[in-house]
Amino acid sequence: MFELWIALKDIPAEGREFHFTDQSLWTGPMREFGLPARPGKDFEARMFITPQDEGFLVAGSFSGSVIVPCDRCAEEFEIPLAGDFESFEEPRDKDDDSLDECRIRRGKGILDLDAAGYLWEQFMLALPVSPLCAEDCKGLCPKCGVNRNQESCSCVQDKGDPRLAVLRNLKLS
């Protein structure tokens, strides 16, 4: 994964902005983790780092899109992804193993910002768990496999247990 090293002396007290357009920040982990997605519109991210008394404030945003399969009908569609983020990161000593998950570390005047890992985390948080091409997607027929959004099938749908038919019209308020 991509790493960005920034000298602490280069970050002024008012902070510094970083702009990321390298698509490998997203396409690399997509391949590495076997995510069933491919890039759509190019991703772009901005990250602003501001030194604070006890650490660093990291704020930013990202946007782009991916092409993923619908969870109901398996047709591919493009889904826009965007997000804003803000977090406070405390510096850690290079010898301290207790803070392995810390995104920003200070050691010998260097700030190690794992930009790829940080942005990938934001990407995964923005990605829907069950992406749907449309809210009213009808999905695939469980018997014949036809995409019910494109054509209807002649399969007989199971109506369920007739003894429970009175509960089908039950409305809870």
Protein backbone atom coordinates (compact mmCIF):
# COMPACT_ATOMS: atom_id res chain seq x y z
CA MET A 1 0.00 0.00 0.00
CA PHE A 2 0.92 3.60 -0.57
CA GLU A 3 2.61 5.50 2.29
CA LEU A 4 3.20 9.22 2.61
CA TRP A 5 6.02 10.57 4.78
CA ILE A 6 5.83 14.20 5.85
CA ALA A 7 8.40 16.07 7.95
CA LEU A 8 6.72 17.59 11.01
CA LYS A 9 8.56 20.88 10.47
CA ASP A 10 6.81 21.16 7.07
CA ILE A 11 3.33 21.31 8.62
CA PRO A 12 2.64 24.90 9.67
CA ALA A 13 0.56 25.69 12.76
CA GLU A 14 -2.46 26.50 10.56
CA GLY A 15 -2.25 23.05 8.96
CA ARG A 16 -1.60 21.69 5.49
CA GLU A 17 -3.83 20.20 2.80
CA PHE A 18 -3.01 17.10 0.76
CA HIS A 19 -4.73 16.10 -2.47
CA PHE A 20 -4.80 12.48 -3.68
CA THR A 21 -5.72 11.50 -7.23
CA ASP A 22 -3.66 8.31 -7.60
CA GLN A 23 -6.24 5.62 -8.46
CA SER A 24 -4.01 2.84 -7.13
CA LEU A 25 -5.00 3.97 -3.60
CA TRP A 26 -8.37 2.34 -4.31
CA THR A 27 -7.81 -0.15 -7.14
CA GLY A 28 -4.89 -1.85 -5.37
CA PRO A 29 -6.87 -2.77 -2.24
CA MET A 30 -9.90 -3.72 -4.37
CA ARG A 31 -7.77 -6.39 -6.03
CA GLU A 32 -5.89 -7.30 -2.85
CA PHE A 33 -9.03 -7.89 -0.80
CA GLY A 34 -11.05 -9.44 -3.64
CA LEU A 35 -13.76 -6.77 -3.56
CA PRO A 36 -16.29 -7.48 -6.33
CA ALA A 37 -16.06 -3.93 -7.66
CA ARG A 38 -14.25 -2.05 -10.36
CA PRO A 39 -13.58 1.65 -10.69
CA GLY A 40 -16.19 3.94 -12.18
CA LYS A 41 -15.60 7.68 -11.96
CA ASP A 42 -12.05 8.44 -10.75
CA PHE A 43 -11.64 8.88 -7.01
CA GLU A 44 -10.30 12.07 -5.55
CA ALA A 45 -9.51 12.80 -1.91
CA ARG A 46 -8.48 15.80 0.12
CA MET A 47 -6.97 15.57 3.58
CA PHE A 48 -6.17 18.50 5.86
CA ILE A 49 -3.77 17.91 8.77
CA THR A 50 -3.66 20.44 11.60
CA PRO A 51 -1.19 20.11 14.50
CA GLN A 52 -2.86 20.25 17.93
CA ASP A 53 -1.43 20.28 21.48
CA GLU A 54 -1.64 16.50 21.95
CA GLY A 55 -1.70 15.21 18.37
CA PHE A 56 -3.09 16.00 14.94
CA LEU A 57 -6.53 16.76 13.58
CA VAL A 58 -7.12 14.93 10.29
CA ALA A 59 -10.12 16.09 8.27
CA GLY A 60 -11.07 15.63 4.66
CA SER A 61 -13.35 14.21 2.04
CA PHE A 62 -13.34 11.84 -0.89
CA SER A 63 -15.55 11.15 -3.90
CA GLY A 64 -15.74 8.82 -6.88
CA SER A 65 -17.75 5.80 -7.97
CA VAL A 66 -17.47 2.04 -8.35
CA ILE A 67 -19.27 -0.50 -10.48
CA VAL A 68 -20.66 -3.33 -8.37
CA PRO A 69 -23.15 -6.18 -8.84
CA CYS A 70 -26.65 -5.72 -7.41
CA ASP A 71 -27.33 -8.01 -4.45
CA ARG A 72 -30.76 -8.99 -5.80
CA CYS A 73 -30.41 -9.28 -9.59
CA ALA A 74 -26.59 -9.54 -10.01
CA GLU A 75 -26.59 -6.86 -12.76
CA GLU A 76 -23.69 -4.42 -12.55
CA PHE A 77 -24.41 -0.77 -11.87
CA GLU A 78 -22.44 2.33 -10.94
CA ILE A 79 -22.74 3.61 -7.40
CA PRO A 80 -21.37 7.02 -6.37
CA LEU A 81 -19.38 7.06 -3.15
CA ALA A 82 -18.46 10.14 -1.17
CA GLY A 83 -17.70 10.90 2.41
CA ASP A 84 -16.38 13.42 4.86
CA PHE A 85 -14.20 12.41 7.76
CA GLU A 86 -12.57 13.95 10.77
CA SER A 87 -10.55 12.35 13.52
CA PHE A 88 -7.98 13.23 16.12
CA GLU A 89 -4.84 11.15 16.03
CA GLU A 90 -2.34 11.03 18.84
CA PRO A 91 1.35 10.67 18.02
CA ARG A 92 3.05 7.55 19.18
CA ASP A 93 6.63 6.64 19.91
CA LYS A 94 8.29 4.37 17.40
CA ASP A 95 9.13 1.90 20.21
CA ASP A 96 5.54 1.70 21.53
CA ASP A 97 3.85 -1.47 20.19
CA SER A 98 0.59 -0.89 22.08
CA LEU A 99 -0.80 1.54 19.49
CA ASP A 100 -0.40 -0.50 16.30
CA GLU A 101 -3.70 0.79 14.91
CA CYS A 102 -2.73 4.46 15.19
CA ARG A 103 -2.79 6.06 11.75
CA ILE A 104 -0.33 8.85 12.48
CA ARG A 105 2.98 8.30 14.23
CA ARG A 106 5.72 10.68 15.19
CA GLY A 107 9.30 9.58 15.43
CA LYS A 108 12.52 11.50 14.86
CA GLY A 109 10.70 14.51 13.38
CA ILE A 110 8.74 12.47 10.86
CA LEU A 111 4.99 12.11 10.61
CA ASP A 112 3.97 8.78 9.05
CA LEU A 113 0.52 9.11 7.58
CA ASP A 114 -0.83 5.85 6.17
CA ALA A 115 -2.95 7.73 3.64
CA ALA A 116 -3.93 4.62 1.71
CA GLY A 117 -5.12 2.78 4.81
CA TYR A 118 -6.95 5.81 6.14
CA LEU A 119 -8.71 6.54 2.83
CA TRP A 120 -9.48 2.85 2.25
CA GLU A 121 -11.17 2.72 5.65
CA GLN A 122 -13.35 5.70 4.68
CA PHE A 123 -14.12 4.05 1.32
CA MET A 124 -15.26 0.84 3.01
CA LEU A 125 -17.44 2.76 5.47
CA ALA A 126 -19.17 4.54 2.56
CA LEU A 127 -19.72 1.36 0.53
CA PRO A 128 -23.21 -0.08 1.14
CA VAL A 129 -23.33 -3.55 2.67
CA SER A 130 -26.00 -4.71 0.21
CA PRO A 131 -25.83 -2.54 -2.92
CA LEU A 132 -29.08 -2.46 -4.90
CA CYS A 133 -29.45 -1.19 -8.47
CA ALA A 134 -32.88 0.21 -7.49
CA GLU A 135 -34.99 0.20 -4.33
CA ASP A 136 -37.70 -1.74 -6.16
CA CYS A 137 -35.34 -4.29 -7.74
CA LYS A 138 -37.28 -7.55 -8.15
CA GLY A 139 -34.18 -9.75 -8.21
CA LEU A 140 -33.80 -13.19 -9.74
CA CYS A 141 -36.44 -15.91 -9.76
CA PRO A 142 -35.31 -18.52 -7.23
CA LYS A 143 -36.60 -21.35 -9.45
CA CYS A 144 -35.58 -20.51 -13.03
CA GLY A 145 -33.03 -17.72 -12.44
CA VAL A 146 -34.57 -15.15 -14.81
CA ASN A 147 -33.99 -11.48 -13.98
CA ARG A 148 -37.49 -10.37 -12.96
CA ASN A 149 -36.64 -6.73 -13.73
CA GLN A 150 -36.27 -7.57 -17.44
CA GLU A 151 -38.89 -10.29 -17.97
CA SER A 152 -41.48 -12.22 -16.06
CA CYS A 153 -41.35 -15.97 -15.59
CA SER A 154 -44.09 -18.56 -15.45
CA CYS A 155 -42.86 -20.22 -12.28
CA VAL A 156 -45.52 -20.89 -9.66
CA GLN A 157 -44.76 -18.85 -6.56
CA ASP A 158 -45.15 -20.64 -3.24
CA LYS A 159 -47.92 -18.89 -1.29
CA GLY A 160 -46.78 -20.36 2.02
CA ASP A 161 -48.70 -22.33 4.61
CA PRO A 162 -52.47 -21.79 4.09
CA ARG A 163 -53.06 -21.97 7.85
CA LEU A 164 -51.13 -18.69 8.20
CA ALA A 165 -53.02 -16.90 5.40
CA VAL A 166 -54.91 -14.69 7.86
CA LEU A 167 -51.62 -13.17 8.99
CA ARG A 168 -50.63 -11.99 5.49
CA ASN A 169 -52.86 -8.91 5.74
CA LEU A 170 -51.89 -8.13 9.33
CA LYS A 171 -50.55 -4.57 9.68
CA LEU A 172 -48.56 -3.53 12.71
CA SER A 173 -48.81 0.08 13.74
